[in-house]
Amino acid sequence: MAAALGRGLDISLAALRQHDPYISGIVDVASQVALYTFGTAPEKTDVEGTLFVYTRSASPRHGFTIMNRLSMENRTEPITKDLDFQLQDPFLLYRNARYEQRTGIQKETVKNCRHLQANLDWTRH
């Protein structure tokens, strides 16, 4: 089973490197997330799929990508000190300098959101 998981991560790493050749390793994986934007109310976007948190061999040193199952457009974000995270059940919200709106990642459970937030916070330092 562990060997199958390792092969799966190797395949995922190869797919991620097609979009960013500087990705050097996968830190965390969330098998199913959905991306929302927040104005007056949460609005689901057309981005849904597997989220990968990774390290890079170039600056910025970390990032995350949602490999979109609904279209060919993935969501990729560099993780820098300017990326702000906030856990707001059932979403992990984030905001960066590029987007005025807050964006939320919804996972299956709040426990999973806390785990993801801990890994994303770790990569900002």
Protein backbone atom coordinates (compact mmCIF):
# COMPACT_ATOMS: atom_id res chain seq x y z
CA MET A 1 0.00 0.00 0.00
CA ALA A 2 2.80 2.45 0.90
CA ALA A 3 4.50 1.70 -2.42
CA ALA A 4 1.27 2.49 -4.29
CA LEU A 5 0.95 5.77 -2.38
CA GLY A 6 4.57 6.62 -3.24
CA ARG A 7 3.95 5.93 -6.94
CA GLY A 8 0.83 8.10 -6.81
CA LEU A 9 2.81 10.99 -5.33
CA ASP A 10 5.55 10.49 -7.93
CA ILE A 11 2.95 10.75 -10.70
CA SER A 12 1.43 13.83 -9.06
CA LEU A 13 4.85 15.42 -8.66
CA ALA A 14 5.58 14.83 -12.35
CA ALA A 15 2.23 16.42 -13.30
CA LEU A 16 2.89 19.44 -11.08
CA ARG A 17 6.37 19.87 -12.57
CA GLN A 18 4.82 20.18 -16.04
CA HIS A 19 3.32 23.47 -14.78
CA ASP A 20 6.29 24.51 -12.60
CA PRO A 21 9.68 22.81 -13.12
CA TYR A 22 10.97 24.28 -9.81
CA ILE A 23 8.67 22.13 -7.65
CA SER A 24 10.94 19.87 -5.61
CA GLY A 25 8.58 17.96 -3.31
CA ILE A 26 5.02 17.54 -2.04
CA VAL A 27 4.41 18.61 1.58
CA ASP A 28 0.68 17.86 1.88
CA VAL A 29 -2.24 16.62 -0.21
CA ALA A 30 -5.98 17.18 0.20
CA SER A 31 -7.80 14.77 -2.08
CA GLN A 32 -10.94 16.86 -2.56
CA VAL A 33 -11.36 20.60 -2.15
CA ALA A 34 -13.63 23.20 -3.70
CA LEU A 35 -12.71 26.85 -4.20
CA TYR A 36 -15.12 29.66 -3.26
CA THR A 37 -15.02 33.43 -3.56
CA PHE A 38 -16.54 35.64 -0.88
CA GLY A 39 -18.48 38.80 -1.55
CA THR A 40 -21.68 39.12 0.43
CA ALA A 41 -21.98 35.31 0.48
CA PRO A 42 -19.76 32.33 -0.46
CA GLU A 43 -19.93 31.56 -4.17
CA LYS A 44 -18.55 28.31 -5.56
CA THR A 45 -16.11 28.71 -8.44
CA ASP A 46 -15.35 26.28 -11.25
CA VAL A 47 -12.21 25.08 -9.44
CA GLU A 48 -12.51 21.75 -7.64
CA GLY A 49 -10.06 18.90 -7.22
CA THR A 50 -6.92 17.76 -5.43
CA LEU A 51 -4.86 20.35 -3.55
CA PHE A 52 -1.09 19.96 -3.34
CA VAL A 53 1.15 21.97 -1.00
CA TYR A 54 4.73 21.82 -2.24
CA THR A 55 8.28 23.06 -1.86
CA ARG A 56 10.18 24.78 -4.66
CA SER A 57 13.88 25.08 -5.45
CA ALA A 58 13.40 28.75 -6.41
CA SER A 59 11.69 31.73 -4.82
CA PRO A 60 9.01 31.64 -3.55
CA ARG A 61 10.05 28.48 -1.71
CA HIS A 62 6.49 27.09 -1.29
CA GLY A 63 3.18 27.11 -3.09
CA PHE A 64 -0.05 25.26 -3.55
CA THR A 65 -2.02 24.14 -6.57
CA ILE A 66 -5.53 22.81 -6.94
CA MET A 67 -5.47 20.39 -9.86
CA ASN A 68 -8.89 21.19 -11.30
CA ARG A 69 -11.19 18.30 -12.20
CA LEU A 70 -13.78 20.59 -13.77
CA SER A 71 -11.61 22.32 -16.38
CA MET A 72 -8.04 22.69 -17.60
CA GLU A 73 -7.50 25.81 -15.46
CA ASN A 74 -5.78 24.98 -12.18
CA ARG A 75 -5.44 27.42 -9.26
CA THR A 76 -1.84 28.02 -8.24
CA GLU A 77 -0.76 30.30 -5.42
CA PRO A 78 2.75 31.13 -4.24
CA ILE A 79 2.96 30.99 -0.45
CA THR A 80 4.62 34.13 0.84
CA LYS A 81 4.46 36.15 4.04
CA ASP A 82 1.80 38.29 2.31
CA LEU A 83 -0.62 35.38 1.97
CA ASP A 84 -3.08 35.62 4.85
CA PHE A 85 -4.98 32.54 6.13
CA GLN A 86 -8.00 32.36 8.41
CA LEU A 87 -10.03 29.31 9.46
CA GLN A 88 -13.75 30.08 9.22
CA ASP A 89 -15.74 26.86 9.48
CA PRO A 90 -16.13 25.15 7.01
CA PHE A 91 -13.62 27.16 4.95
CA LEU A 92 -9.94 27.96 5.06
CA LEU A 93 -9.95 31.53 3.77
CA TYR A 94 -6.99 33.23 2.17
CA ARG A 95 -6.20 36.58 0.63
CA ASN A 96 -3.18 37.77 -1.31
CA ALA A 97 -2.08 40.97 -3.00
CA ARG A 98 -3.46 39.88 -6.41
CA TYR A 99 -7.07 39.46 -5.32
CA GLU A 100 -9.24 41.99 -3.53
CA GLN A 101 -11.77 39.28 -2.64
CA ARG A 102 -11.18 36.64 -0.03
CA THR A 103 -10.98 33.14 -1.40
CA GLY A 104 -11.98 30.03 0.52
CA ILE A 105 -10.92 26.41 0.29
CA GLN A 106 -13.56 24.00 1.49
CA LYS A 107 -12.51 20.54 2.62
CA GLU A 108 -14.52 17.61 3.94
CA THR A 109 -14.07 18.39 7.64
CA VAL A 110 -12.93 21.21 9.91
CA LYS A 111 -10.19 18.88 11.25
CA ASN A 112 -8.81 18.57 7.71
CA CYS A 113 -8.95 22.37 7.28
CA ARG A 114 -6.96 22.82 10.51
CA HIS A 115 -4.35 20.32 9.30
CA LEU A 116 -4.07 22.13 5.97
CA GLN A 117 -3.86 25.52 7.69
CA ALA A 118 -1.04 24.26 9.93
CA ASN A 119 0.97 23.09 6.90
CA LEU A 120 0.32 26.30 4.96
CA ASP A 121 1.30 28.43 7.96
CA TRP A 122 4.50 26.37 8.36
CA THR A 123 5.50 26.99 4.75
CA ARG A 124 5.20 30.81 5.11
CA HIS A 125 8.16 30.91 7.55
